[in-house]
Amino acid sequence: MLKLFFCLSFLIGILFFNFNVFAEIKSSQQLNLEKYFSNNEIEYKKLPKSIKKFFAKNLFLPLNEYEISKENTFNRWSNHIYEMSISASLNKVWKEYSETNAEDLWKKKHSNLIILVRDNTIYQKNVIPQIGDLVILELKVIKSIKKLPVAFFITKMNAPKDGRAEICFNYSKQNVSQGEQCLSFTERIEGDQTYTKIKHDSKFGSESRFRDQFLYPYFHEAIIKEFHQVLKHNLENPD
């Protein structure tokens, strides 16, 4: 019995030691991430709770180690398509979509820009998105009761050519959902009227089939509709 007691004590000691080592490693990673924010004059503690949980879930991975989701790791994709037209030429539409500051693009009722990362520099305002940028947003759903972090990379910005243009985003591997969103722009001329047709094609997948089929499409539609309608209003109703 005494031997069993010592064996159990020894095992508990090992487990406790391993737990402390893991906790110290985790703490070190968190401190490094907080320092990274501090070096960019951003207070980590002031970030939204959902974003800090997102970083913790990813073990405080350095932001420059986030990766683009390119493959379907869930063996299935779901699709969502949103289409609209804007009464403006493609060049005007492209300028609005490609030259608007990030905070104006994503600080809305249903979304909030948290950070944009480029070349190891973190931005929260006064930055125009470019290819290669990592963007982290907080999405607000169910009347802002639920707040969801999302991380994605800007992977394509093909300027107008032959009446067409394209912008694509790819989710980060560290995101809950994997996949991509592509915005295709096509100029149309009917009589003396010039307009631009926009197709927002989303391809996504996660571990939850229920989430992909019933939750994602509904909230995604509300978020991207708000995104496009604000830009449409700016173009069709200039000051």
C-alpha atoms as a PDB file:
ATOM      1  CA  MET A   1       0.000   0.000   0.000  1.00  0.00           C
ATOM      2  CA  LEU A   2       2.840   2.333   0.874  1.00  0.00           C
ATOM      3  CA  LYS A   3       4.502   1.581  -2.445  1.00  0.00           C
ATOM      4  CA  LEU A   4       1.239   2.409  -4.277  1.00  0.00           C
ATOM      5  CA  PHE A   5       0.996   5.685  -2.395  1.00  0.00           C
ATOM      6  CA  PHE A   6       4.526   6.703  -3.419  1.00  0.00           C
ATOM      7  CA  CYS A   7       3.859   5.722  -7.037  1.00  0.00           C
ATOM      8  CA  LEU A   8       0.706   7.826  -7.161  1.00  0.00           C
ATOM      9  CA  SER A   9       2.486  10.751  -5.524  1.00  0.00           C
ATOM     10  CA  PHE A  10       5.287  10.467  -8.072  1.00  0.00           C
ATOM     11  CA  LEU A  11       2.831  10.459 -11.010  1.00  0.00           C
ATOM     12  CA  ILE A  12       0.907  13.415  -9.617  1.00  0.00           C
ATOM     13  CA  GLY A  13       4.198  15.279  -9.174  1.00  0.00           C
ATOM     14  CA  ILE A  14       5.142  14.649 -12.817  1.00  0.00           C
ATOM     15  CA  LEU A  15       1.743  15.765 -14.062  1.00  0.00           C
ATOM     16  CA  PHE A  16       1.875  18.888 -11.919  1.00  0.00           C
ATOM     17  CA  PHE A  17       5.388  19.671 -13.138  1.00  0.00           C
ATOM     18  CA  ASN A  18       4.377  19.232 -16.799  1.00  0.00           C
ATOM     19  CA  PHE A  19       1.335  21.415 -16.305  1.00  0.00           C
ATOM     20  CA  ASN A  20       3.478  24.184 -14.802  1.00  0.00           C
ATOM     21  CA  VAL A  21       5.988  23.951 -17.633  1.00  0.00           C
ATOM     22  CA  PHE A  22       3.176  24.193 -20.204  1.00  0.00           C
ATOM     23  CA  ALA A  23       1.666  27.133 -18.333  1.00  0.00           C
ATOM     24  CA  GLU A  24       5.017  28.923 -18.323  1.00  0.00           C
ATOM     25  CA  ILE A  25       5.463  28.355 -22.061  1.00  0.00           C
ATOM     26  CA  LYS A  26       1.959  29.627 -22.692  1.00  0.00           C
ATOM     27  CA  SER A  27       2.574  32.634 -20.485  1.00  0.00           C
ATOM     28  CA  SER A  28       5.806  33.378 -22.320  1.00  0.00           C
ATOM     29  CA  GLN A  29       3.990  33.236 -25.671  1.00  0.00           C
ATOM     30  CA  GLN A  30       1.312  35.567 -24.369  1.00  0.00           C
ATOM     31  CA  LEU A  31       3.896  38.027 -23.082  1.00  0.00           C
ATOM     32  CA  ASN A  32       5.623  38.015 -26.461  1.00  0.00           C
ATOM     33  CA  LEU A  33       2.327  38.737 -28.222  1.00  0.00           C
ATOM     34  CA  GLU A  34       1.488  41.507 -25.780  1.00  0.00           C
ATOM     35  CA  LYS A  35       4.940  43.002 -26.333  1.00  0.00           C
ATOM     36  CA  TYR A  36       4.373  42.830 -30.094  1.00  0.00           C
ATOM     37  CA  PHE A  37       1.207  44.889 -29.686  1.00  0.00           C
ATOM     38  CA  SER A  38       2.941  47.267 -27.290  1.00  0.00           C
ATOM     39  CA  ASN A  39       5.742  47.853 -29.797  1.00  0.00           C
ATOM     40  CA  ASN A  40       3.018  48.963 -32.223  1.00  0.00           C
ATOM     41  CA  GLU A  41       1.557  51.326 -29.597  1.00  0.00           C
ATOM     42  CA  ILE A  42      -1.544  49.173 -29.067  1.00  0.00           C
ATOM     43  CA  GLU A  43      -2.645  48.061 -25.591  1.00  0.00           C
ATOM     44  CA  TYR A  44      -3.335  44.320 -25.678  1.00  0.00           C
ATOM     45  CA  LYS A  45      -5.531  44.486 -22.578  1.00  0.00           C
ATOM     46  CA  LYS A  46      -7.908  46.868 -24.371  1.00  0.00           C
ATOM     47  CA  LEU A  47      -8.629  44.399 -27.178  1.00  0.00           C
ATOM     48  CA  PRO A  48     -12.149  42.908 -27.190  1.00  0.00           C
ATOM     49  CA  LYS A  49     -12.641  39.798 -25.071  1.00  0.00           C
ATOM     50  CA  SER A  50     -13.543  37.661 -28.100  1.00  0.00           C
ATOM     51  CA  ILE A  51     -10.257  38.578 -29.802  1.00  0.00           C
ATOM     52  CA  LYS A  52      -8.151  37.748 -26.741  1.00  0.00           C
ATOM     53  CA  LYS A  53      -9.917  34.388 -26.522  1.00  0.00           C
ATOM     54  CA  PHE A  54      -9.146  33.826 -30.197  1.00  0.00           C
ATOM     55  CA  PHE A  55      -5.456  34.464 -29.587  1.00  0.00           C
ATOM     56  CA  ALA A  56      -5.503  32.172 -26.539  1.00  0.00           C
ATOM     57  CA  LYS A  57      -7.185  29.391 -28.523  1.00  0.00           C
ATOM     58  CA  ASN A  58      -4.338  29.636 -31.017  1.00  0.00           C
ATOM     59  CA  LEU A  59      -1.807  29.497 -28.148  1.00  0.00           C
ATOM     60  CA  PHE A  60      -0.816  33.145 -28.675  1.00  0.00           C
ATOM     61  CA  LEU A  61       0.742  32.321 -32.014  1.00  0.00           C
ATOM     62  CA  PRO A  62       2.796  35.252 -33.369  1.00  0.00           C
ATOM     63  CA  LEU A  63       0.775  37.104 -35.984  1.00  0.00           C
ATOM     64  CA  ASN A  64       3.528  36.732 -38.580  1.00  0.00           C
ATOM     65  CA  GLU A  65       3.093  32.943 -38.316  1.00  0.00           C
ATOM     66  CA  TYR A  66      -0.570  32.939 -39.328  1.00  0.00           C
ATOM     67  CA  GLU A  67      -1.100  30.979 -42.543  1.00  0.00           C
ATOM     68  CA  ILE A  68      -3.480  31.197 -45.486  1.00  0.00           C
ATOM     69  CA  SER A  69      -6.141  28.502 -45.767  1.00  0.00           C
ATOM     70  CA  LYS A  70      -5.688  27.046 -49.252  1.00  0.00           C
ATOM     71  CA  GLU A  71      -6.949  23.493 -48.957  1.00  0.00           C
ATOM     72  CA  ASN A  72     -10.248  21.974 -47.900  1.00  0.00           C
ATOM     73  CA  THR A  73      -9.351  20.330 -44.604  1.00  0.00           C
ATOM     74  CA  PHE A  74     -12.970  19.318 -43.970  1.00  0.00           C
ATOM     75  CA  ASN A  75     -13.520  17.423 -47.259  1.00  0.00           C
ATOM     76  CA  ARG A  76     -16.550  19.517 -48.187  1.00  0.00           C
ATOM     77  CA  TRP A  77     -17.371  23.085 -49.176  1.00  0.00           C
ATOM     78  CA  SER A  78     -20.500  25.154 -48.885  1.00  0.00           C
ATOM     79  CA  ASN A  79     -21.207  28.100 -51.183  1.00  0.00           C
ATOM     80  CA  HIS A  80     -22.969  31.409 -50.803  1.00  0.00           C
ATOM     81  CA  ILE A  81     -23.473  33.985 -53.557  1.00  0.00           C
ATOM     82  CA  TYR A  82     -24.563  37.601 -53.151  1.00  0.00           C
ATOM     83  CA  GLU A  83     -25.092  39.820 -56.209  1.00  0.00           C
ATOM     84  CA  MET A  84     -25.828  43.491 -56.657  1.00  0.00           C
ATOM     85  CA  SER A  85     -25.404  46.338 -59.160  1.00  0.00           C
ATOM     86  CA  ILE A  86     -24.080  49.862 -58.680  1.00  0.00           C
ATOM     87  CA  SER A  87     -24.915  52.754 -60.973  1.00  0.00           C
ATOM     88  CA  ALA A  88     -21.318  53.746 -61.608  1.00  0.00           C
ATOM     89  CA  SER A  89     -18.484  52.848 -63.941  1.00  0.00           C
ATOM     90  CA  LEU A  90     -16.109  50.035 -63.067  1.00  0.00           C
ATOM     91  CA  ASN A  91     -13.240  52.472 -62.562  1.00  0.00           C
ATOM     92  CA  LYS A  92     -15.227  54.462 -59.994  1.00  0.00           C
ATOM     93  CA  VAL A  93     -16.388  51.307 -58.224  1.00  0.00           C
ATOM     94  CA  TRP A  94     -12.859  49.914 -58.163  1.00  0.00           C
ATOM     95  CA  LYS A  95     -11.491  53.129 -56.679  1.00  0.00           C
ATOM     96  CA  GLU A  96     -14.100  53.028 -53.900  1.00  0.00           C
ATOM     97  CA  TYR A  97     -13.451  49.363 -53.068  1.00  0.00           C
ATOM     98  CA  SER A  98      -9.661  49.404 -53.380  1.00  0.00           C
ATOM     99  CA  GLU A  99      -8.774  52.816 -51.951  1.00  0.00           C
ATOM    100  CA  THR A 100     -11.069  53.093 -48.924  1.00  0.00           C
ATOM    101  CA  ASN A 101      -9.443  52.975 -45.491  1.00  0.00           C
ATOM    102  CA  ALA A 102      -9.776  49.660 -43.676  1.00  0.00           C
ATOM    103  CA  GLU A 103     -11.654  51.160 -40.721  1.00  0.00           C
ATOM    104  CA  ASP A 104     -14.247  52.662 -43.091  1.00  0.00           C
ATOM    105  CA  LEU A 105     -14.649  49.304 -44.838  1.00  0.00           C
ATOM    106  CA  TRP A 106     -15.160  47.218 -41.728  1.00  0.00           C
ATOM    107  CA  LYS A 107     -16.299  49.432 -38.853  1.00  0.00           C
ATOM    108  CA  LYS A 108     -20.014  48.828 -39.266  1.00  0.00           C
ATOM    109  CA  LYS A 109     -23.050  47.691 -37.305  1.00  0.00           C
ATOM    110  CA  HIS A 110     -22.193  44.018 -37.892  1.00  0.00           C
ATOM    111  CA  SER A 111     -18.399  44.203 -38.004  1.00  0.00           C
ATOM    112  CA  ASN A 112     -15.506  45.948 -36.355  1.00  0.00           C
ATOM    113  CA  LEU A 113     -11.931  46.206 -37.595  1.00  0.00           C
ATOM    114  CA  ILE A 114      -9.576  45.103 -34.824  1.00  0.00           C
ATOM    115  CA  ILE A 115      -6.219  45.103 -36.583  1.00  0.00           C
ATOM    116  CA  LEU A 116      -4.585  44.943 -39.992  1.00  0.00           C
ATOM    117  CA  VAL A 117      -1.087  43.429 -40.045  1.00  0.00           C
ATOM    118  CA  ARG A 118       1.445  44.251 -42.756  1.00  0.00           C
ATOM    119  CA  ASP A 119       5.196  43.647 -42.674  1.00  0.00           C
ATOM    120  CA  ASN A 120       5.187  43.102 -38.879  1.00  0.00           C
ATOM    121  CA  THR A 121       3.379  46.402 -38.336  1.00  0.00           C
ATOM    122  CA  ILE A 122      -0.092  46.531 -36.781  1.00  0.00           C
ATOM    123  CA  TYR A 123      -2.600  49.115 -37.967  1.00  0.00           C
ATOM    124  CA  GLN A 124      -6.008  50.031 -36.582  1.00  0.00           C
ATOM    125  CA  LYS A 125      -6.707  53.092 -38.727  1.00  0.00           C
ATOM    126  CA  ASN A 126      -5.414  55.180 -41.619  1.00  0.00           C
ATOM    127  CA  VAL A 127      -4.429  52.191 -43.734  1.00  0.00           C
ATOM    128  CA  ILE A 128      -5.659  51.058 -47.146  1.00  0.00           C
ATOM    129  CA  PRO A 129      -5.735  47.251 -47.530  1.00  0.00           C
ATOM    130  CA  GLN A 130      -3.215  45.617 -49.866  1.00  0.00           C
ATOM    131  CA  ILE A 131      -2.423  42.109 -51.099  1.00  0.00           C
ATOM    132  CA  GLY A 132      -0.808  40.066 -48.335  1.00  0.00           C
ATOM    133  CA  ASP A 133      -2.400  41.935 -45.429  1.00  0.00           C
ATOM    134  CA  LEU A 134      -3.746  39.924 -42.495  1.00  0.00           C
ATOM    135  CA  VAL A 135      -7.065  41.364 -41.333  1.00  0.00           C
ATOM    136  CA  ILE A 136      -8.705  40.466 -38.024  1.00  0.00           C
ATOM    137  CA  LEU A 137     -12.304  41.531 -37.445  1.00  0.00           C
ATOM    138  CA  GLU A 138     -14.861  41.086 -34.712  1.00  0.00           C
ATOM    139  CA  LEU A 139     -18.234  40.171 -36.204  1.00  0.00           C
ATOM    140  CA  LYS A 140     -21.362  41.112 -34.276  1.00  0.00           C
ATOM    141  CA  VAL A 141     -24.377  38.842 -34.672  1.00  0.00           C
ATOM    142  CA  ILE A 142     -27.703  38.282 -32.902  1.00  0.00           C
ATOM    143  CA  LYS A 143     -28.018  42.020 -32.224  1.00  0.00           C
ATOM    144  CA  SER A 144     -24.379  42.139 -31.042  1.00  0.00           C
ATOM    145  CA  ILE A 145     -25.051  39.586 -28.286  1.00  0.00           C
ATOM    146  CA  LYS A 146     -22.602  37.187 -29.910  1.00  0.00           C
ATOM    147  CA  LYS A 147     -19.227  38.462 -31.070  1.00  0.00           C
ATOM    148  CA  LEU A 148     -17.077  36.321 -33.335  1.00  0.00           C
ATOM    149  CA  PRO A 149     -13.434  36.804 -34.335  1.00  0.00           C
ATOM    150  CA  VAL A 150     -12.438  36.204 -37.943  1.00  0.00           C
ATOM    151  CA  ALA A 151      -8.983  36.317 -39.535  1.00  0.00           C
ATOM    152  CA  PHE A 152      -8.294  36.431 -43.264  1.00  0.00           C
ATOM    153  CA  PHE A 153      -5.679  37.434 -45.809  1.00  0.00           C
ATOM    154  CA  ILE A 154      -6.166  39.647 -48.858  1.00  0.00           C
ATOM    155  CA  THR A 155      -4.889  37.423 -51.663  1.00  0.00           C
ATOM    156  CA  LYS A 156      -5.970  39.104 -54.930  1.00  0.00           C
ATOM    157  CA  MET A 157      -6.564  42.636 -56.136  1.00  0.00           C
ATOM    158  CA  ASN A 158      -6.789  42.461 -59.909  1.00  0.00           C
ATOM    159  CA  ALA A 159      -7.387  45.976 -61.210  1.00  0.00           C
ATOM    160  CA  PRO A 160      -9.889  46.666 -64.021  1.00  0.00           C
ATOM    161  CA  LYS A 161      -9.005  45.145 -67.377  1.00  0.00           C
ATOM    162  CA  ASP A 162     -11.368  44.549 -70.289  1.00  0.00           C
ATOM    163  CA  GLY A 163     -14.343  45.549 -68.145  1.00  0.00           C
ATOM    164  CA  ARG A 164     -13.549  43.143 -65.283  1.00  0.00           C
ATOM    165  CA  ALA A 165     -11.831  43.241 -61.893  1.00  0.00           C
ATOM    166  CA  GLU A 166     -11.459  40.970 -58.863  1.00  0.00           C
ATOM    167  CA  ILE A 167     -10.683  41.038 -55.129  1.00  0.00           C
ATOM    168  CA  CYS A 168     -10.239  37.855 -53.070  1.00  0.00           C
ATOM    169  CA  PHE A 169      -9.847  37.040 -49.377  1.00  0.00           C
ATOM    170  CA  ASN A 170      -8.670  33.723 -47.953  1.00  0.00           C
ATOM    171  CA  TYR A 171      -9.392  32.726 -44.380  1.00  0.00           C
ATOM    172  CA  SER A 172      -6.477  32.057 -42.076  1.00  0.00           C
ATOM    173  CA  LYS A 173      -5.847  28.444 -41.025  1.00  0.00           C
ATOM    174  CA  GLN A 174      -6.255  29.672 -37.455  1.00  0.00           C
ATOM    175  CA  ASN A 175      -9.852  30.660 -38.223  1.00  0.00           C
ATOM    176  CA  VAL A 176     -12.881  28.513 -37.297  1.00  0.00           C
ATOM    177  CA  SER A 177     -13.983  28.447 -40.942  1.00  0.00           C
ATOM    178  CA  GLN A 178     -11.721  27.723 -43.885  1.00  0.00           C
ATOM    179  CA  GLY A 179     -12.241  28.904 -47.445  1.00  0.00           C
ATOM    180  CA  GLU A 180     -12.258  32.065 -49.534  1.00  0.00           C
ATOM    181  CA  GLN A 181     -14.393  34.962 -50.699  1.00  0.00           C
ATOM    182  CA  CYS A 182     -14.040  36.472 -54.145  1.00  0.00           C
ATOM    183  CA  LEU A 183     -15.612  39.690 -55.380  1.00  0.00           C
ATOM    184  CA  SER A 184     -15.883  39.904 -59.146  1.00  0.00           C
ATOM    185  CA  PHE A 185     -16.720  43.217 -60.824  1.00  0.00           C
ATOM    186  CA  THR A 186     -18.136  43.434 -64.358  1.00  0.00           C
ATOM    187  CA  GLU A 187     -18.994  46.664 -66.174  1.00  0.00           C
ATOM    188  CA  ARG A 188     -22.232  46.792 -68.166  1.00  0.00           C
ATOM    189  CA  ILE A 189     -23.460  49.452 -70.586  1.00  0.00           C
ATOM    190  CA  GLU A 190     -27.133  49.640 -71.546  1.00  0.00           C
ATOM    191  CA  GLY A 191     -27.951  52.615 -73.751  1.00  0.00           C
ATOM    192  CA  ASP A 192     -26.558  55.679 -72.029  1.00  0.00           C
ATOM    193  CA  GLN A 193     -26.470  53.941 -68.632  1.00  0.00           C
ATOM    194  CA  THR A 194     -23.223  52.481 -67.263  1.00  0.00           C
ATOM    195  CA  TYR A 195     -23.320  50.255 -64.209  1.00  0.00           C
ATOM    196  CA  THR A 196     -21.146  47.669 -62.484  1.00  0.00           C
ATOM    197  CA  LYS A 197     -22.353  44.236 -61.477  1.00  0.00           C
ATOM    198  CA  ILE A 198     -20.755  42.746 -58.345  1.00  0.00           C
ATOM    199  CA  LYS A 199     -20.783  39.056 -57.507  1.00  0.00           C
ATOM    200  CA  HIS A 200     -19.604  38.095 -54.014  1.00  0.00           C
ATOM    201  CA  ASP A 201     -18.870  34.354 -54.115  1.00  0.00           C
ATOM    202  CA  SER A 202     -18.045  32.699 -50.771  1.00  0.00           C
ATOM    203  CA  LYS A 203     -16.715  29.170 -50.390  1.00  0.00           C
ATOM    204  CA  PHE A 204     -16.412  27.929 -46.819  1.00  0.00           C
ATOM    205  CA  GLY A 205     -16.214  24.901 -44.564  1.00  0.00           C
ATOM    206  CA  SER A 206     -15.818  24.102 -40.868  1.00  0.00           C
ATOM    207  CA  GLU A 207     -16.012  21.129 -38.521  1.00  0.00           C
ATOM    208  CA  SER A 208     -19.752  21.715 -38.101  1.00  0.00           C
ATOM    209  CA  ARG A 209     -22.088  20.844 -40.971  1.00  0.00           C
ATOM    210  CA  PHE A 210     -24.954  22.505 -39.066  1.00  0.00           C
ATOM    211  CA  ARG A 211     -22.957  25.731 -38.781  1.00  0.00           C
ATOM    212  CA  ASP A 212     -22.101  25.682 -42.489  1.00  0.00           C
ATOM    213  CA  GLN A 213     -25.631  24.994 -43.700  1.00  0.00           C
ATOM    214  CA  PHE A 214     -27.791  27.003 -41.313  1.00  0.00           C
ATOM    215  CA  LEU A 215     -25.816  29.573 -39.327  1.00  0.00           C
ATOM    216  CA  TYR A 216     -23.004  30.817 -41.565  1.00  0.00           C
ATOM    217  CA  PRO A 217     -25.140  31.703 -44.646  1.00  0.00           C
ATOM    218  CA  TYR A 218     -27.690  33.718 -42.640  1.00  0.00           C
ATOM    219  CA  PHE A 219     -25.208  35.860 -40.694  1.00  0.00           C
ATOM    220  CA  HIS A 220     -22.762  36.048 -43.600  1.00  0.00           C
ATOM    221  CA  GLU A 221     -25.485  37.496 -45.839  1.00  0.00           C
ATOM    222  CA  ALA A 222     -26.264  40.256 -43.321  1.00  0.00           C
ATOM    223  CA  ILE A 223     -22.592  41.169 -42.879  1.00  0.00           C
ATOM    224  CA  ILE A 224     -21.592  41.295 -46.548  1.00  0.00           C
ATOM    225  CA  LYS A 225     -24.832  43.022 -47.541  1.00  0.00           C
ATOM    226  CA  GLU A 226     -24.054  45.826 -45.094  1.00  0.00           C
ATOM    227  CA  PHE A 227     -20.467  45.971 -46.412  1.00  0.00           C
ATOM    228  CA  HIS A 228     -21.584  46.405 -50.031  1.00  0.00           C
ATOM    229  CA  GLN A 229     -24.600  48.637 -49.410  1.00  0.00           C
ATOM    230  CA  VAL A 230     -22.486  51.263 -47.624  1.00  0.00           C
ATOM    231  CA  LEU A 231     -20.054  51.423 -50.558  1.00  0.00           C
ATOM    232  CA  LYS A 232     -22.966  51.489 -53.012  1.00  0.00           C
ATOM    233  CA  HIS A 233     -24.498  54.416 -51.121  1.00  0.00           C
ATOM    234  CA  ASN A 234     -21.185  56.302 -51.190  1.00  0.00           C
ATOM    235  CA  LEU A 235     -20.943  55.851 -54.972  1.00  0.00           C
ATOM    236  CA  GLU A 236     -24.541  56.629 -55.867  1.00  0.00           C
ATOM    237  CA  ASN A 237     -24.949  59.476 -53.377  1.00  0.00           C
ATOM    238  CA  PRO A 238     -21.683  61.451 -53.370  1.00  0.00           C
ATOM    239  CA  ASP A 239     -21.469  64.480 -51.114  1.00  0.00           C
END
